[in-house]
Structure formats: C-alpha cells, structure tokens
Amino acid sequence: MAEAGIFSKLPKDINILDEPTRHQFAELLLLLSSLANTQFPLSSLETLPFLVGIIESGTSSIETKETCLGALYNLSTMLDNAGNLVSNGVVEALLNLSSIKELSEKALPHWGIWL
C-alpha cells in the first residue's frame, strides 16, 4: 500500500474531513506503522503533518487522537525516525496532550522512548 502511494492520498487539511474519515485514516496509519517488516516512509510530506494535525485539532475525538498516538508510538520506536518526528512538531503536540486528562497516560510512553 505504501509503495502504491497511499500516503499521497492523505489530505493536507484535516478540517475538510469528517470525524469518521479522520479516524479511518488514523487507523490505517496505525496499522501500517505497526508492521515490523515495512519501512514506513516518514519522508512522506503527508504522514507526520497529518497525524500531528489530528492531534492538535480541537474537533478530533479523543479516540482518534489515541489512534494517532499509537501510530506515533510505533514510529518513535525506530531511532532513525527521531529527527523527522521532532522537526514535524510531534514533541509540541505531545506536550499539549500531556495536559489533557484522557490522553496524558497515552502520551507519556513516548517520552520514555525518547529520554
């Protein structure tokens, strides 16, 4: 799927998507990021901004944000991804989520990987 260009289908503006569609895209990215034998193309200009956009969105559900956190967690377990994660605003997004009661426990494991 990645080689077929699925990441180019991610919209640049998440606000044009309804919540169920956001959640479905987030689930797809979670599944793809969990495949151990797949190189997830973080160099894709769409992937990280899409995940961060959902996390920072005031209109995305807690469940959708949790799904994005799962995908980011999977991506953060590969040391080669650290630079791209930081440069795409993941650290700031995690800091913001740490202050939301429902998401703080989900955001904290990311810090353990990076510290």
C-alpha atoms as a PDB file:
ATOM      1  CA  MET A   1       0.000   0.000   0.000  1.00  0.00           C
ATOM      2  CA  ALA A   2       2.796   2.390   0.895  1.00  0.00           C
ATOM      3  CA  GLU A   3       4.552   1.672  -2.378  1.00  0.00           C
ATOM      4  CA  ALA A   4       1.304   2.284  -4.234  1.00  0.00           C
ATOM      5  CA  GLY A   5       1.233   5.862  -2.967  1.00  0.00           C
ATOM      6  CA  ILE A   6      -1.390   5.666  -0.221  1.00  0.00           C
ATOM      7  CA  PHE A   7       0.329   8.478   1.682  1.00  0.00           C
ATOM      8  CA  SER A   8      -0.159  10.893  -1.199  1.00  0.00           C
ATOM      9  CA  LYS A   9      -3.916  10.453  -0.661  1.00  0.00           C
ATOM     10  CA  LEU A  10      -3.769  11.972   2.827  1.00  0.00           C
ATOM     11  CA  PRO A  11      -5.391  15.396   2.725  1.00  0.00           C
ATOM     12  CA  LYS A  12      -3.218  18.365   3.572  1.00  0.00           C
ATOM     13  CA  ASP A  13      -6.065  19.997   5.506  1.00  0.00           C
ATOM     14  CA  ILE A  14      -7.682  17.674   8.037  1.00  0.00           C
ATOM     15  CA  ASN A  15     -10.508  20.162   8.531  1.00  0.00           C
ATOM     16  CA  ILE A  16     -12.075  19.060   5.251  1.00  0.00           C
ATOM     17  CA  LEU A  17     -12.594  15.563   6.695  1.00  0.00           C
ATOM     18  CA  ASP A  18     -15.427  14.472   8.912  1.00  0.00           C
ATOM     19  CA  GLU A  19     -14.532  12.703  12.155  1.00  0.00           C
ATOM     20  CA  PRO A  20     -15.224   9.117  10.968  1.00  0.00           C
ATOM     21  CA  THR A  21     -12.946   9.640   7.952  1.00  0.00           C
ATOM     22  CA  ARG A  22     -10.192  11.103  10.147  1.00  0.00           C
ATOM     23  CA  HIS A  23     -10.466   8.093  12.415  1.00  0.00           C
ATOM     24  CA  GLN A  24     -10.279   5.662   9.488  1.00  0.00           C
ATOM     25  CA  PHE A  25      -7.144   7.349   8.132  1.00  0.00           C
ATOM     26  CA  ALA A  26      -5.625   7.287  11.635  1.00  0.00           C
ATOM     27  CA  GLU A  27      -6.398   3.556  11.955  1.00  0.00           C
ATOM     28  CA  LEU A  28      -4.789   2.893   8.581  1.00  0.00           C
ATOM     29  CA  LEU A  29      -1.624   4.728   9.643  1.00  0.00           C
ATOM     30  CA  LEU A  30      -1.608   2.836  12.946  1.00  0.00           C
ATOM     31  CA  LEU A  31      -1.818  -0.492  11.122  1.00  0.00           C
ATOM     32  CA  LEU A  32       0.869   0.408   8.600  1.00  0.00           C
ATOM     33  CA  SER A  33       3.187   1.747  11.294  1.00  0.00           C
ATOM     34  CA  SER A  34       2.864  -1.483  13.275  1.00  0.00           C
ATOM     35  CA  LEU A  35       4.161  -3.712  10.504  1.00  0.00           C
ATOM     36  CA  ALA A  36       7.641  -4.679  11.666  1.00  0.00           C
ATOM     37  CA  ASN A  37       8.878  -5.659   8.224  1.00  0.00           C
ATOM     38  CA  THR A  38       7.711  -2.489   6.499  1.00  0.00           C
ATOM     39  CA  GLN A  39       9.781   0.649   6.196  1.00  0.00           C
ATOM     40  CA  PHE A  40       7.273   3.366   6.955  1.00  0.00           C
ATOM     41  CA  PRO A  41       8.092   6.333   4.688  1.00  0.00           C
ATOM     42  CA  LEU A  42       8.415   9.156   7.177  1.00  0.00           C
ATOM     43  CA  SER A  43       9.994  11.188   4.446  1.00  0.00           C
ATOM     44  CA  SER A  44       6.492  11.413   3.055  1.00  0.00           C
ATOM     45  CA  LEU A  45       5.408  15.024   3.359  1.00  0.00           C
ATOM     46  CA  GLU A  46       1.893  13.948   4.279  1.00  0.00           C
ATOM     47  CA  THR A  47       2.245  11.386   7.072  1.00  0.00           C
ATOM     48  CA  LEU A  48       3.530  13.241  10.125  1.00  0.00           C
ATOM     49  CA  PRO A  49       1.738  16.548   9.463  1.00  0.00           C
ATOM     50  CA  PHE A  50      -1.494  14.577   9.091  1.00  0.00           C
ATOM     51  CA  LEU A  51      -1.037  12.785  12.436  1.00  0.00           C
ATOM     52  CA  VAL A  52       0.054  15.959  14.223  1.00  0.00           C
ATOM     53  CA  GLY A  53      -2.820  17.893  12.654  1.00  0.00           C
ATOM     54  CA  ILE A  54      -5.350  15.456  14.062  1.00  0.00           C
ATOM     55  CA  ILE A  55      -3.716  15.522  17.490  1.00  0.00           C
ATOM     56  CA  GLU A  56      -3.737  19.324  17.560  1.00  0.00           C
ATOM     57  CA  SER A  57      -7.259  19.603  16.175  1.00  0.00           C
ATOM     58  CA  GLY A  58      -9.948  20.771  18.540  1.00  0.00           C
ATOM     59  CA  THR A  59     -12.557  18.845  16.577  1.00  0.00           C
ATOM     60  CA  SER A  60     -10.962  15.381  16.575  1.00  0.00           C
ATOM     61  CA  SER A  61     -12.302  12.876  19.088  1.00  0.00           C
ATOM     62  CA  ILE A  62     -10.236  11.509  21.967  1.00  0.00           C
ATOM     63  CA  GLU A  63     -10.423   8.059  20.336  1.00  0.00           C
ATOM     64  CA  THR A  64      -8.996   9.372  17.051  1.00  0.00           C
ATOM     65  CA  LYS A  65      -6.217  11.200  18.890  1.00  0.00           C
ATOM     66  CA  GLU A  66      -5.401   7.981  20.790  1.00  0.00           C
ATOM     67  CA  THR A  67      -5.142   6.139  17.479  1.00  0.00           C
ATOM     68  CA  CYS A  68      -2.724   8.782  16.180  1.00  0.00           C
ATOM     69  CA  LEU A  69      -0.700   8.458  19.380  1.00  0.00           C
ATOM     70  CA  GLY A  70      -0.434   4.727  18.736  1.00  0.00           C
ATOM     71  CA  ALA A  71       0.905   5.340  15.239  1.00  0.00           C
ATOM     72  CA  LEU A  72       3.400   7.899  16.548  1.00  0.00           C
ATOM     73  CA  TYR A  73       4.485   5.478  19.254  1.00  0.00           C
ATOM     74  CA  ASN A  74       5.171   2.802  16.631  1.00  0.00           C
ATOM     75  CA  LEU A  75       7.135   5.267  14.532  1.00  0.00           C
ATOM     76  CA  SER A  76       9.104   6.540  17.516  1.00  0.00           C
ATOM     77  CA  THR A  77      10.458   3.074  18.297  1.00  0.00           C
ATOM     78  CA  MET A  78      12.737   3.370  15.260  1.00  0.00           C
ATOM     79  CA  LEU A  79      15.672   5.607  16.161  1.00  0.00           C
ATOM     80  CA  ASP A  80      16.111   6.722  12.549  1.00  0.00           C
ATOM     81  CA  ASN A  81      12.748   8.494  12.762  1.00  0.00           C
ATOM     82  CA  ALA A  82      13.645  10.767  15.694  1.00  0.00           C
ATOM     83  CA  GLY A  83      14.738  13.755  13.607  1.00  0.00           C
ATOM     84  CA  ASN A  84      11.643  13.707  11.413  1.00  0.00           C
ATOM     85  CA  LEU A  85       9.361  13.333  14.420  1.00  0.00           C
ATOM     86  CA  VAL A  86      10.919  16.325  16.173  1.00  0.00           C
ATOM     87  CA  SER A  87      11.045  18.532  13.074  1.00  0.00           C
ATOM     88  CA  ASN A  88       7.369  17.864  12.325  1.00  0.00           C
ATOM     89  CA  GLY A  89       6.089  19.117  15.669  1.00  0.00           C
ATOM     90  CA  VAL A  90       5.473  15.824  17.450  1.00  0.00           C
ATOM     91  CA  VAL A  91       7.182  16.999  20.656  1.00  0.00           C
ATOM     92  CA  GLU A  92       4.963  20.079  20.948  1.00  0.00           C
ATOM     93  CA  ALA A  93       1.858  18.009  20.195  1.00  0.00           C
ATOM     94  CA  LEU A  94       2.780  15.505  22.917  1.00  0.00           C
ATOM     95  CA  LEU A  95       3.353  18.307  25.408  1.00  0.00           C
ATOM     96  CA  ASN A  96      -0.114  19.645  24.669  1.00  0.00           C
ATOM     97  CA  LEU A  97      -1.680  16.198  25.037  1.00  0.00           C
ATOM     98  CA  SER A  98       0.041  15.669  28.358  1.00  0.00           C
ATOM     99  CA  SER A  99      -2.236  18.327  29.833  1.00  0.00           C
ATOM    100  CA  ILE A 100      -5.439  16.565  28.698  1.00  0.00           C
ATOM    101  CA  LYS A 101      -6.534  14.114  31.374  1.00  0.00           C
ATOM    102  CA  GLU A 102      -7.933  11.494  28.971  1.00  0.00           C
ATOM    103  CA  LEU A 103      -4.770  11.486  26.858  1.00  0.00           C
ATOM    104  CA  SER A 104      -1.937  12.145  29.289  1.00  0.00           C
ATOM    105  CA  GLU A 105      -1.381   8.451  30.085  1.00  0.00           C
ATOM    106  CA  LYS A 106      -1.255   7.646  26.379  1.00  0.00           C
ATOM    107  CA  ALA A 107       1.190  10.471  25.637  1.00  0.00           C
ATOM    108  CA  LEU A 108       3.652   9.655  28.429  1.00  0.00           C
ATOM    109  CA  PRO A 109       5.129   6.425  26.945  1.00  0.00           C
ATOM    110  CA  HIS A 110       6.529   8.467  24.060  1.00  0.00           C
ATOM    111  CA  TRP A 111       8.729  10.369  26.470  1.00  0.00           C
ATOM    112  CA  GLY A 112      10.155   7.125  27.846  1.00  0.00           C
ATOM    113  CA  ILE A 113      11.313   6.098  24.393  1.00  0.00           C
ATOM    114  CA  TRP A 114      12.962   9.432  23.649  1.00  0.00           C
ATOM    115  CA  LEU A 115      14.626  10.009  27.004  1.00  0.00           C
END
